[in-house]
Amino acid sequence: MDNDLDTLATALYASTDDFLKGHPELAPWRPAVGLQPRITDAELVTVAVMQALLGFTSERRWLRHARVDLIEWFPHLPEQSGYNKRLRHLGETFQAVIAHLGQDTDLWADGIWIADSTPVECGRSRDTAHRSDLVGFAEYGYCASHSRWFWGLRLHLLCTPAGMPVSFALTGATADERTVLLGMLESMPARVGAGQVILADKNYFGKLFERDLAEGGIVLVRPTRQGERRRPGREFLKPLRQVIESINDTLKGQLDLEAHGGRTIAGVTVRVLQRILAMAAAIWHNQNTGQQPLRSLTAYDH
């Protein structure tokens, strides 16, 4: 099977369409009386993934491009306002499709998961920090990896070493990573298997935190903090730390995570989900077509 954007889009549409037809409860609420959309949710999911993979951060520019190059595939593309509105109502659908793609691979059963968080900047000016619709959700935080302060949110990601998202959360910049991780694990639809290993950085510490993980059968591997007895698993941390940094770079460097352009909570959330879904779709397609490395987007970004 060819490994290009057309093939990925076709496979993604077919899989998403079948999945959503089997789960009609995932469709956004619509009034029983009135005009029905001419473009289906499965088509819109596919269009959104193609936008992210091709690097279009402007919805207007993307729709102008799509009306020229994709008109035979999607003859009923909405205007920019309609496209934006439809996407904002598809947040839960995006999350369900991400889980569906992950479970359609053998990556979901990986015995090792990696936990980390990364900044999602939402503005730089003082006026933005006081007048934005994100005030109260976005806040000032510090990114130790890049030694910088930022105003925005933080994306918490739990994924396999191949980069397939298992769970994720979007919070304020100062949210406690340990509390968020426990919440992510509790909200997962299936119980986490006993013996599941989670690799994390030194911020994921604390006796109560580790006890809660252990009660769920989860083994936490993290660096030894100053004053602690040497912890097991140290030899795995350095190479896998590079893996999570590479995954974050895929989201930010190739999928333009911090160029999301969202101005409201719903707008930022769905644009972050759009990037996560695009990465998950590429990994899913690469695995099903036997392509390596699994997280490579090279075949789909042109």
C-alpha atoms as a PDB file:
ATOM      1  CA  MET A   1       0.000   0.000   0.000  1.00  0.00           C
ATOM      2  CA  ASP A   2       1.262   3.482  -0.836  1.00  0.00           C
ATOM      3  CA  ASN A   3       2.340   5.654   2.044  1.00  0.00           C
ATOM      4  CA  ASP A   4       1.171   9.163   1.153  1.00  0.00           C
ATOM      5  CA  LEU A   5      -1.385  11.720   2.277  1.00  0.00           C
ATOM      6  CA  ASP A   6      -4.082  10.557  -0.139  1.00  0.00           C
ATOM      7  CA  THR A   7      -3.862   6.985   1.124  1.00  0.00           C
ATOM      8  CA  LEU A   8      -3.864   8.078   4.768  1.00  0.00           C
ATOM      9  CA  ALA A   9      -6.877  10.334   4.227  1.00  0.00           C
ATOM     10  CA  THR A  10      -8.805   7.547   2.476  1.00  0.00           C
ATOM     11  CA  ALA A  11      -8.018   5.015   5.214  1.00  0.00           C
ATOM     12  CA  LEU A  12      -8.769   7.518   7.981  1.00  0.00           C
ATOM     13  CA  TYR A  13     -12.104   8.510   6.459  1.00  0.00           C
ATOM     14  CA  ALA A  14     -13.196   4.887   5.992  1.00  0.00           C
ATOM     15  CA  SER A  15     -12.196   3.888   9.527  1.00  0.00           C
ATOM     16  CA  THR A  16     -13.709   7.019  11.129  1.00  0.00           C
ATOM     17  CA  ASP A  17     -16.947   6.749   9.147  1.00  0.00           C
ATOM     18  CA  ASP A  18     -17.457   3.125  10.195  1.00  0.00           C
ATOM     19  CA  PHE A  19     -16.590   3.970  13.804  1.00  0.00           C
ATOM     20  CA  LEU A  20     -18.971   6.935  14.040  1.00  0.00           C
ATOM     21  CA  LYS A  21     -21.805   5.006  12.368  1.00  0.00           C
ATOM     22  CA  GLY A  22     -21.368   2.349  15.045  1.00  0.00           C
ATOM     23  CA  HIS A  23     -21.388   4.987  17.803  1.00  0.00           C
ATOM     24  CA  PRO A  24     -24.074   7.548  16.928  1.00  0.00           C
ATOM     25  CA  GLU A  25     -23.951   8.888  20.502  1.00  0.00           C
ATOM     26  CA  LEU A  26     -20.628  10.568  19.619  1.00  0.00           C
ATOM     27  CA  ALA A  27     -22.265  12.878  17.093  1.00  0.00           C
ATOM     28  CA  PRO A  28     -22.709  16.498  18.268  1.00  0.00           C
ATOM     29  CA  TRP A  29     -26.268  17.426  19.196  1.00  0.00           C
ATOM     30  CA  ARG A  30     -28.315  18.801  16.315  1.00  0.00           C
ATOM     31  CA  PRO A  31     -31.989  19.851  16.269  1.00  0.00           C
ATOM     32  CA  ALA A  32     -34.337  17.329  14.745  1.00  0.00           C
ATOM     33  CA  VAL A  33     -35.840  20.007  12.509  1.00  0.00           C
ATOM     34  CA  GLY A  34     -33.664  22.162  10.272  1.00  0.00           C
ATOM     35  CA  LEU A  35     -30.953  21.955   7.665  1.00  0.00           C
ATOM     36  CA  GLN A  36     -28.674  18.948   7.925  1.00  0.00           C
ATOM     37  CA  PRO A  37     -24.940  19.431   7.277  1.00  0.00           C
ATOM     38  CA  ARG A  38     -23.811  18.550   3.767  1.00  0.00           C
ATOM     39  CA  ILE A  39     -20.377  17.401   4.955  1.00  0.00           C
ATOM     40  CA  THR A  40     -20.330  14.514   7.424  1.00  0.00           C
ATOM     41  CA  ASP A  41     -18.448  14.446  10.713  1.00  0.00           C
ATOM     42  CA  ALA A  42     -16.115  11.742   9.341  1.00  0.00           C
ATOM     43  CA  GLU A  43     -15.275  13.951   6.364  1.00  0.00           C
ATOM     44  CA  LEU A  44     -14.672  16.932   8.643  1.00  0.00           C
ATOM     45  CA  VAL A  45     -12.354  14.887  10.878  1.00  0.00           C
ATOM     46  CA  THR A  46     -10.372  13.878   7.791  1.00  0.00           C
ATOM     47  CA  VAL A  47     -10.178  17.467   6.536  1.00  0.00           C
ATOM     48  CA  ALA A  48      -8.962  18.673   9.947  1.00  0.00           C
ATOM     49  CA  VAL A  49      -6.227  16.021  10.047  1.00  0.00           C
ATOM     50  CA  MET A  50      -5.076  16.932   6.536  1.00  0.00           C
ATOM     51  CA  GLN A  51      -4.924  20.598   7.543  1.00  0.00           C
ATOM     52  CA  ALA A  52      -2.657  19.790  10.502  1.00  0.00           C
ATOM     53  CA  LEU A  53      -0.394  17.461   8.514  1.00  0.00           C
ATOM     54  CA  LEU A  54       0.047  19.999   5.714  1.00  0.00           C
ATOM     55  CA  GLY A  55       0.943  22.745   8.169  1.00  0.00           C
ATOM     56  CA  PHE A  56      -1.904  25.194   7.555  1.00  0.00           C
ATOM     57  CA  THR A  57      -2.324  27.184  10.768  1.00  0.00           C
ATOM     58  CA  SER A  58      -4.820  29.592   9.160  1.00  0.00           C
ATOM     59  CA  GLU A  59      -8.257  28.111   8.557  1.00  0.00           C
ATOM     60  CA  ARG A  60      -9.016  30.674   5.839  1.00  0.00           C
ATOM     61  CA  ARG A  61      -5.856  29.807   3.908  1.00  0.00           C
ATOM     62  CA  TRP A  62      -6.530  26.114   4.367  1.00  0.00           C
ATOM     63  CA  LEU A  63     -10.075  26.308   3.027  1.00  0.00           C
ATOM     64  CA  ARG A  64      -8.920  28.342   0.014  1.00  0.00           C
ATOM     65  CA  HIS A  65      -6.336  25.653  -0.693  1.00  0.00           C
ATOM     66  CA  ALA A  66      -8.822  22.803  -0.115  1.00  0.00           C
ATOM     67  CA  ARG A  67     -11.407  24.304  -2.485  1.00  0.00           C
ATOM     68  CA  VAL A  68      -8.821  24.136  -5.262  1.00  0.00           C
ATOM     69  CA  ASP A  69      -6.963  20.901  -4.539  1.00  0.00           C
ATOM     70  CA  LEU A  70      -9.541  18.816  -2.661  1.00  0.00           C
ATOM     71  CA  ILE A  71     -12.807  19.859  -4.275  1.00  0.00           C
ATOM     72  CA  GLU A  72     -13.292  16.445  -5.893  1.00  0.00           C
ATOM     73  CA  TRP A  73     -12.924  14.751  -2.517  1.00  0.00           C
ATOM     74  CA  PHE A  74     -14.887  17.263  -0.439  1.00  0.00           C
ATOM     75  CA  PRO A  75     -17.306  19.204  -2.673  1.00  0.00           C
ATOM     76  CA  HIS A  76     -19.297  20.657   0.240  1.00  0.00           C
ATOM     77  CA  LEU A  77     -16.653  22.380   2.368  1.00  0.00           C
ATOM     78  CA  PRO A  78     -18.195  25.008   4.672  1.00  0.00           C
ATOM     79  CA  GLU A  79     -17.105  28.623   4.931  1.00  0.00           C
ATOM     80  CA  GLN A  80     -14.495  29.496   7.537  1.00  0.00           C
ATOM     81  CA  SER A  81     -17.024  30.432  10.231  1.00  0.00           C
ATOM     82  CA  GLY A  82     -18.993  27.230   9.674  1.00  0.00           C
ATOM     83  CA  TYR A  83     -15.811  25.138   9.612  1.00  0.00           C
ATOM     84  CA  ASN A  84     -14.634  26.671  12.887  1.00  0.00           C
ATOM     85  CA  LYS A  85     -18.026  26.167  14.532  1.00  0.00           C
ATOM     86  CA  ARG A  86     -18.253  22.537  13.434  1.00  0.00           C
ATOM     87  CA  LEU A  87     -14.758  21.782  14.725  1.00  0.00           C
ATOM     88  CA  ARG A  88     -15.491  23.338  18.124  1.00  0.00           C
ATOM     89  CA  HIS A  89     -18.434  20.956  18.500  1.00  0.00           C
ATOM     90  CA  LEU A  90     -16.341  17.916  17.587  1.00  0.00           C
ATOM     91  CA  GLY A  91     -14.048  17.901  20.646  1.00  0.00           C
ATOM     92  CA  GLU A  92     -15.492  14.706  22.144  1.00  0.00           C
ATOM     93  CA  THR A  93     -15.561  13.098  18.701  1.00  0.00           C
ATOM     94  CA  PHE A  94     -11.864  13.871  18.202  1.00  0.00           C
ATOM     95  CA  GLN A  95     -11.042  12.267  21.558  1.00  0.00           C
ATOM     96  CA  ALA A  96     -13.039   9.143  20.707  1.00  0.00           C
ATOM     97  CA  VAL A  97     -11.385   8.806  17.279  1.00  0.00           C
ATOM     98  CA  ILE A  98      -7.900   9.146  18.843  1.00  0.00           C
ATOM     99  CA  ALA A  99      -8.705   6.268  21.220  1.00  0.00           C
ATOM    100  CA  HIS A 100     -10.227   4.257  18.348  1.00  0.00           C
ATOM    101  CA  LEU A 101      -7.074   4.607  16.232  1.00  0.00           C
ATOM    102  CA  GLY A 102      -4.845   3.671  19.159  1.00  0.00           C
ATOM    103  CA  GLN A 103      -6.870   0.571  19.929  1.00  0.00           C
ATOM    104  CA  ASP A 104      -6.713  -0.413  16.250  1.00  0.00           C
ATOM    105  CA  THR A 105      -2.959  -1.019  16.659  1.00  0.00           C
ATOM    106  CA  ASP A 106      -0.949  -3.321  18.910  1.00  0.00           C
ATOM    107  CA  LEU A 107       0.770  -0.237  20.345  1.00  0.00           C
ATOM    108  CA  TRP A 108      -2.100   0.284  22.805  1.00  0.00           C
ATOM    109  CA  ALA A 109      -1.025  -2.838  24.724  1.00  0.00           C
ATOM    110  CA  ASP A 110       2.562  -1.638  25.201  1.00  0.00           C
ATOM    111  CA  GLY A 111       3.742  -2.384  28.737  1.00  0.00           C
ATOM    112  CA  ILE A 112       5.587   0.953  28.981  1.00  0.00           C
ATOM    113  CA  TRP A 113       3.986   4.389  28.864  1.00  0.00           C
ATOM    114  CA  ILE A 114       5.681   7.770  29.084  1.00  0.00           C
ATOM    115  CA  ALA A 115       4.196  10.709  31.014  1.00  0.00           C
ATOM    116  CA  ASP A 116       5.189  14.325  30.483  1.00  0.00           C
ATOM    117  CA  SER A 117       3.779  17.813  30.016  1.00  0.00           C
ATOM    118  CA  THR A 118       4.682  20.631  27.638  1.00  0.00           C
ATOM    119  CA  PRO A 119       3.700  24.329  27.449  1.00  0.00           C
ATOM    120  CA  VAL A 120       1.053  25.531  25.020  1.00  0.00           C
ATOM    121  CA  GLU A 121       1.642  29.269  24.739  1.00  0.00           C
ATOM    122  CA  CYS A 122      -1.486  31.368  24.147  1.00  0.00           C
ATOM    123  CA  GLY A 123      -0.152  34.927  24.072  1.00  0.00           C
ATOM    124  CA  ARG A 124       2.813  37.150  24.809  1.00  0.00           C
ATOM    125  CA  SER A 125       1.539  40.682  25.273  1.00  0.00           C
ATOM    126  CA  ARG A 126       0.451  42.095  28.618  1.00  0.00           C
ATOM    127  CA  ASP A 127      -2.910  43.108  27.135  1.00  0.00           C
ATOM    128  CA  THR A 128      -3.573  39.520  26.033  1.00  0.00           C
ATOM    129  CA  ALA A 129      -2.947  38.216  29.534  1.00  0.00           C
ATOM    130  CA  HIS A 130      -5.571  40.633  30.904  1.00  0.00           C
ATOM    131  CA  ARG A 131      -8.210  40.797  28.176  1.00  0.00           C
ATOM    132  CA  SER A 132      -8.209  37.384  26.490  1.00  0.00           C
ATOM    133  CA  ASP A 133     -11.201  35.061  26.778  1.00  0.00           C
ATOM    134  CA  LEU A 134      -8.693  32.529  28.117  1.00  0.00           C
ATOM    135  CA  VAL A 135      -8.113  34.541  31.315  1.00  0.00           C
ATOM    136  CA  GLY A 136      -8.927  32.261  34.227  1.00  0.00           C
ATOM    137  CA  PHE A 137      -7.842  29.162  32.324  1.00  0.00           C
ATOM    138  CA  ALA A 138      -4.514  30.259  30.854  1.00  0.00           C
ATOM    139  CA  GLU A 139      -1.919  31.507  33.326  1.00  0.00           C
ATOM    140  CA  TYR A 140       1.771  32.227  33.731  1.00  0.00           C
ATOM    141  CA  GLY A 141       4.020  29.207  34.108  1.00  0.00           C
ATOM    142  CA  TYR A 142       7.654  28.196  33.832  1.00  0.00           C
ATOM    143  CA  CYS A 143       9.111  25.675  31.398  1.00  0.00           C
ATOM    144  CA  ALA A 144      12.275  24.216  32.944  1.00  0.00           C
ATOM    145  CA  SER A 145      13.208  22.326  29.746  1.00  0.00           C
ATOM    146  CA  HIS A 146      13.581  25.591  27.819  1.00  0.00           C
ATOM    147  CA  SER A 147      14.255  27.903  30.780  1.00  0.00           C
ATOM    148  CA  ARG A 148      11.454  30.314  29.916  1.00  0.00           C
ATOM    149  CA  TRP A 149       8.278  31.782  31.339  1.00  0.00           C
ATOM    150  CA  PHE A 150       5.123  31.630  29.248  1.00  0.00           C
ATOM    151  CA  TRP A 151       1.456  32.610  29.437  1.00  0.00           C
ATOM    152  CA  GLY A 152      -0.862  29.838  28.406  1.00  0.00           C
ATOM    153  CA  LEU A 153      -1.742  26.238  29.127  1.00  0.00           C
ATOM    154  CA  ARG A 154       0.018  22.945  29.620  1.00  0.00           C
ATOM    155  CA  LEU A 155      -0.596  19.780  27.612  1.00  0.00           C
ATOM    156  CA  HIS A 156      -0.202  16.637  29.710  1.00  0.00           C
ATOM    157  CA  LEU A 157       0.456  13.583  27.561  1.00  0.00           C
ATOM    158  CA  LEU A 158       0.543   9.886  28.370  1.00  0.00           C
ATOM    159  CA  CYS A 159       1.763   7.923  25.373  1.00  0.00           C
ATOM    160  CA  THR A 160       3.576   4.796  24.227  1.00  0.00           C
ATOM    161  CA  PRO A 161       7.290   4.933  23.273  1.00  0.00           C
ATOM    162  CA  ALA A 162       6.173   5.048  19.634  1.00  0.00           C
ATOM    163  CA  GLY A 163       4.254   8.267  20.371  1.00  0.00           C
ATOM    164  CA  MET A 164       0.712   6.874  20.209  1.00  0.00           C
ATOM    165  CA  PRO A 165      -1.406   8.948  22.651  1.00  0.00           C
ATOM    166  CA  VAL A 166      -3.010   6.906  25.420  1.00  0.00           C
ATOM    167  CA  SER A 167      -4.466   9.783  27.440  1.00  0.00           C
ATOM    168  CA  PHE A 168      -4.081  13.556  27.567  1.00  0.00           C
ATOM    169  CA  ALA A 169      -5.296  16.633  29.380  1.00  0.00           C
ATOM    170  CA  LEU A 170      -5.115  20.394  28.858  1.00  0.00           C
ATOM    171  CA  THR A 171      -4.775  22.436  32.040  1.00  0.00           C
ATOM    172  CA  GLY A 172      -3.552  25.738  33.374  1.00  0.00           C
ATOM    173  CA  ALA A 173       0.192  26.275  33.293  1.00  0.00           C
ATOM    174  CA  THR A 174       0.684  25.663  37.027  1.00  0.00           C
ATOM    175  CA  ALA A 175      -1.465  22.546  37.467  1.00  0.00           C
ATOM    176  CA  ASP A 176       0.141  19.781  39.535  1.00  0.00           C
ATOM    177  CA  GLU A 177       1.395  17.162  37.077  1.00  0.00           C
ATOM    178  CA  ARG A 178       0.851  14.347  39.584  1.00  0.00           C
ATOM    179  CA  THR A 179      -2.786  15.214  40.204  1.00  0.00           C
ATOM    180  CA  VAL A 180      -3.419  15.538  36.471  1.00  0.00           C
ATOM    181  CA  LEU A 181      -1.807  12.154  35.746  1.00  0.00           C
ATOM    182  CA  LEU A 182      -3.971  10.433  38.372  1.00  0.00           C
ATOM    183  CA  GLY A 183      -7.048  12.073  36.857  1.00  0.00           C
ATOM    184  CA  MET A 184      -6.048  10.935  33.363  1.00  0.00           C
ATOM    185  CA  LEU A 185      -5.641   7.349  34.550  1.00  0.00           C
ATOM    186  CA  GLU A 186      -8.989   7.386  36.362  1.00  0.00           C
ATOM    187  CA  SER A 187     -10.793   8.732  33.287  1.00  0.00           C
ATOM    188  CA  MET A 188      -9.490   6.049  30.927  1.00  0.00           C
ATOM    189  CA  PRO A 189     -12.337   3.885  29.575  1.00  0.00           C
ATOM    190  CA  ALA A 190     -10.526   0.605  30.319  1.00  0.00           C
ATOM    191  CA  ARG A 191      -8.811  -0.374  33.537  1.00  0.00           C
ATOM    192  CA  VAL A 192      -5.021  -0.128  33.372  1.00  0.00           C
ATOM    193  CA  GLY A 193      -3.447  -3.576  33.536  1.00  0.00           C
ATOM    194  CA  ALA A 194      -1.415  -4.615  36.578  1.00  0.00           C
ATOM    195  CA  GLY A 195       2.313  -4.189  36.037  1.00  0.00           C
ATOM    196  CA  GLN A 196       1.955  -1.264  33.628  1.00  0.00           C
ATOM    197  CA  VAL A 197       5.145   0.801  33.744  1.00  0.00           C
ATOM    198  CA  ILE A 198       5.036   4.606  33.520  1.00  0.00           C
ATOM    199  CA  LEU A 199       8.274   6.493  32.957  1.00  0.00           C
ATOM    200  CA  ALA A 200       8.259  10.105  34.074  1.00  0.00           C
ATOM    201  CA  ASP A 201      10.583  12.917  35.112  1.00  0.00           C
ATOM    202  CA  LYS A 202      11.554  13.907  38.653  1.00  0.00           C
ATOM    203  CA  ASN A 203       8.459  16.120  39.136  1.00  0.00           C
ATOM    204  CA  TYR A 204       6.289  13.006  39.469  1.00  0.00           C
ATOM    205  CA  PHE A 205       7.250  12.243  43.083  1.00  0.00           C
ATOM    206  CA  GLY A 206       5.657  11.822  46.487  1.00  0.00           C
ATOM    207  CA  LYS A 207       4.792   8.903  48.759  1.00  0.00           C
ATOM    208  CA  LEU A 208       1.035   9.387  48.498  1.00  0.00           C
ATOM    209  CA  PHE A 209       1.236   9.788  44.718  1.00  0.00           C
ATOM    210  CA  GLU A 210       3.296   6.627  44.295  1.00  0.00           C
ATOM    211  CA  ARG A 211       1.039   4.752  46.696  1.00  0.00           C
ATOM    212  CA  ASP A 212      -2.011   5.675  44.596  1.00  0.00           C
ATOM    213  CA  LEU A 213      -0.244   4.402  41.476  1.00  0.00           C
ATOM    214  CA  ALA A 214       0.865   1.207  43.207  1.00  0.00           C
ATOM    215  CA  GLU A 215      -2.698   0.504  44.377  1.00  0.00           C
ATOM    216  CA  GLY A 216      -3.690   0.542  40.719  1.00  0.00           C
ATOM    217  CA  GLY A 217      -0.927  -1.903  39.843  1.00  0.00           C
ATOM    218  CA  ILE A 218       1.208   0.751  38.130  1.00  0.00           C
ATOM    219  CA  VAL A 219       4.993   0.799  38.417  1.00  0.00           C
ATOM    220  CA  LEU A 220       6.499   4.302  38.353  1.00  0.00           C
ATOM    221  CA  VAL A 221      10.041   4.752  37.067  1.00  0.00           C
ATOM    222  CA  ARG A 222      11.532   8.215  37.555  1.00  0.00           C
ATOM    223  CA  PRO A 223      14.935   9.778  38.283  1.00  0.00           C
ATOM    224  CA  THR A 224      16.279   9.666  41.819  1.00  0.00           C
ATOM    225  CA  ARG A 225      15.808  12.966  43.621  1.00  0.00           C
ATOM    226  CA  GLN A 226      18.424  14.479  45.896  1.00  0.00           C
ATOM    227  CA  GLY A 227      18.489  12.754  49.268  1.00  0.00           C
ATOM    228  CA  GLU A 228      16.680   9.628  48.020  1.00  0.00           C
ATOM    229  CA  ARG A 229      17.984   6.103  47.853  1.00  0.00           C
ATOM    230  CA  ARG A 230      18.889   5.107  44.294  1.00  0.00           C
ATOM    231  CA  ARG A 231      15.770   4.022  42.416  1.00  0.00           C
ATOM    232  CA  PRO A 232      15.584   1.091  39.970  1.00  0.00           C
ATOM    233  CA  GLY A 233      15.199   1.567  36.204  1.00  0.00           C
ATOM    234  CA  ARG A 234      17.696   4.396  35.887  1.00  0.00           C
ATOM    235  CA  GLU A 235      19.222   2.922  32.719  1.00  0.00           C
ATOM    236  CA  PHE A 236      15.910   3.317  30.840  1.00  0.00           C
ATOM    237  CA  LEU A 237      15.324   6.956  31.658  1.00  0.00           C
ATOM    238  CA  LYS A 238      17.895   8.770  29.524  1.00  0.00           C
ATOM    239  CA  PRO A 239      16.978   7.225  26.119  1.00  0.00           C
ATOM    240  CA  LEU A 240      13.243   7.434  26.831  1.00  0.00           C
ATOM    241  CA  ARG A 241      13.590  11.036  27.980  1.00  0.00           C
ATOM    242  CA  GLN A 242      14.883  11.748  24.482  1.00  0.00           C
ATOM    243  CA  VAL A 243      11.827   9.957  23.097  1.00  0.00           C
ATOM    244  CA  ILE A 244       9.338  12.216  24.904  1.00  0.00           C
ATOM    245  CA  GLU A 245      11.273  15.305  23.842  1.00  0.00           C
ATOM    246  CA  SER A 246      11.078  14.025  20.268  1.00  0.00           C
ATOM    247  CA  ILE A 247       7.321  13.472  20.593  1.00  0.00           C
ATOM    248  CA  ASN A 248       6.873  17.015  21.884  1.00  0.00           C
ATOM    249  CA  ASP A 249       8.976  18.267  18.977  1.00  0.00           C
ATOM    250  CA  THR A 250       6.694  16.444  16.543  1.00  0.00           C
ATOM    251  CA  LEU A 251       3.687  18.237  18.014  1.00  0.00           C
ATOM    252  CA  LYS A 252       5.385  21.634  18.125  1.00  0.00           C
ATOM    253  CA  GLY A 253       7.881  21.607  15.281  1.00  0.00           C
ATOM    254  CA  GLN A 254       5.914  19.696  12.655  1.00  0.00           C
ATOM    255  CA  LEU A 255       2.288  20.078  13.736  1.00  0.00           C
ATOM    256  CA  ASP A 256       2.581  23.706  14.939  1.00  0.00           C
ATOM    257  CA  LEU A 257       1.053  23.096  18.354  1.00  0.00           C
ATOM    258  CA  GLU A 258       1.936  26.549  19.682  1.00  0.00           C
ATOM    259  CA  ALA A 259       0.699  28.244  16.496  1.00  0.00           C
ATOM    260  CA  HIS A 260      -2.828  27.002  17.198  1.00  0.00           C
ATOM    261  CA  GLY A 261      -4.424  30.460  16.926  1.00  0.00           C
ATOM    262  CA  GLY A 262      -7.173  29.649  19.434  1.00  0.00           C
ATOM    263  CA  ARG A 263      -8.745  32.571  21.300  1.00  0.00           C
ATOM    264  CA  THR A 264     -11.323  30.762  23.428  1.00  0.00           C
ATOM    265  CA  ILE A 265     -11.195  27.664  25.624  1.00  0.00           C
ATOM    266  CA  ALA A 266     -13.156  25.614  23.088  1.00  0.00           C
ATOM    267  CA  GLY A 267     -11.054  26.974  20.224  1.00  0.00           C
ATOM    268  CA  VAL A 268      -7.698  26.141  21.835  1.00  0.00           C
ATOM    269  CA  THR A 269      -8.908  22.737  23.021  1.00  0.00           C
ATOM    270  CA  VAL A 270     -10.102  21.527  19.633  1.00  0.00           C
ATOM    271  CA  ARG A 271      -6.953  22.790  17.892  1.00  0.00           C
ATOM    272  CA  VAL A 272      -4.771  20.899  20.365  1.00  0.00           C
ATOM    273  CA  LEU A 273      -6.908  17.795  19.830  1.00  0.00           C
ATOM    274  CA  GLN A 274      -6.562  18.305  16.072  1.00  0.00           C
ATOM    275  CA  ARG A 275      -2.752  18.060  16.378  1.00  0.00           C
ATOM    276  CA  ILE A 276      -2.887  15.024  18.657  1.00  0.00           C
ATOM    277  CA  LEU A 277      -5.308  13.314  16.260  1.00  0.00           C
ATOM    278  CA  ALA A 278      -3.045  14.077  13.285  1.00  0.00           C
ATOM    279  CA  MET A 279      -0.070  12.474  15.057  1.00  0.00           C
ATOM    280  CA  ALA A 280      -2.146   9.472  16.109  1.00  0.00           C
ATOM    281  CA  ALA A 281      -3.463   9.040  12.554  1.00  0.00           C
ATOM    282  CA  ALA A 282       0.051   9.092  11.091  1.00  0.00           C
ATOM    283  CA  ILE A 283       1.310   6.523  13.622  1.00  0.00           C
ATOM    284  CA  TRP A 284      -1.773   4.348  13.039  1.00  0.00           C
ATOM    285  CA  HIS A 285      -1.338   4.439   9.263  1.00  0.00           C
ATOM    286  CA  ASN A 286       2.413   3.863   9.398  1.00  0.00           C
ATOM    287  CA  GLN A 287       1.940   0.834  11.620  1.00  0.00           C
ATOM    288  CA  ASN A 288      -0.794  -0.649   9.457  1.00  0.00           C
ATOM    289  CA  THR A 289       1.277  -0.158   6.293  1.00  0.00           C
ATOM    290  CA  GLY A 290       4.553  -1.374   7.790  1.00  0.00           C
ATOM    291  CA  GLN A 291       6.363   1.966   7.616  1.00  0.00           C
ATOM    292  CA  GLN A 292       9.189   2.980   9.919  1.00  0.00           C
ATOM    293  CA  PRO A 293       9.722   5.055  11.957  1.00  0.00           C
ATOM    294  CA  LEU A 294       6.126   5.040  13.125  1.00  0.00           C
ATOM    295  CA  ARG A 295       6.010   8.710  14.105  1.00  0.00           C
ATOM    296  CA  SER A 296       7.395   9.996  10.809  1.00  0.00           C
ATOM    297  CA  LEU A 297       5.190  12.613   9.111  1.00  0.00           C
ATOM    298  CA  THR A 298       7.468  13.102   6.086  1.00  0.00           C
ATOM    299  CA  ALA A 299       5.217  11.211   3.684  1.00  0.00           C
ATOM    300  CA  TYR A 300       2.190  13.328   4.621  1.00  0.00           C
ATOM    301  CA  ASP A 301       3.417  16.912   4.869  1.00  0.00           C
ATOM    302  CA  HIS A 302       3.352  17.769   1.149  1.00  0.00           C
END
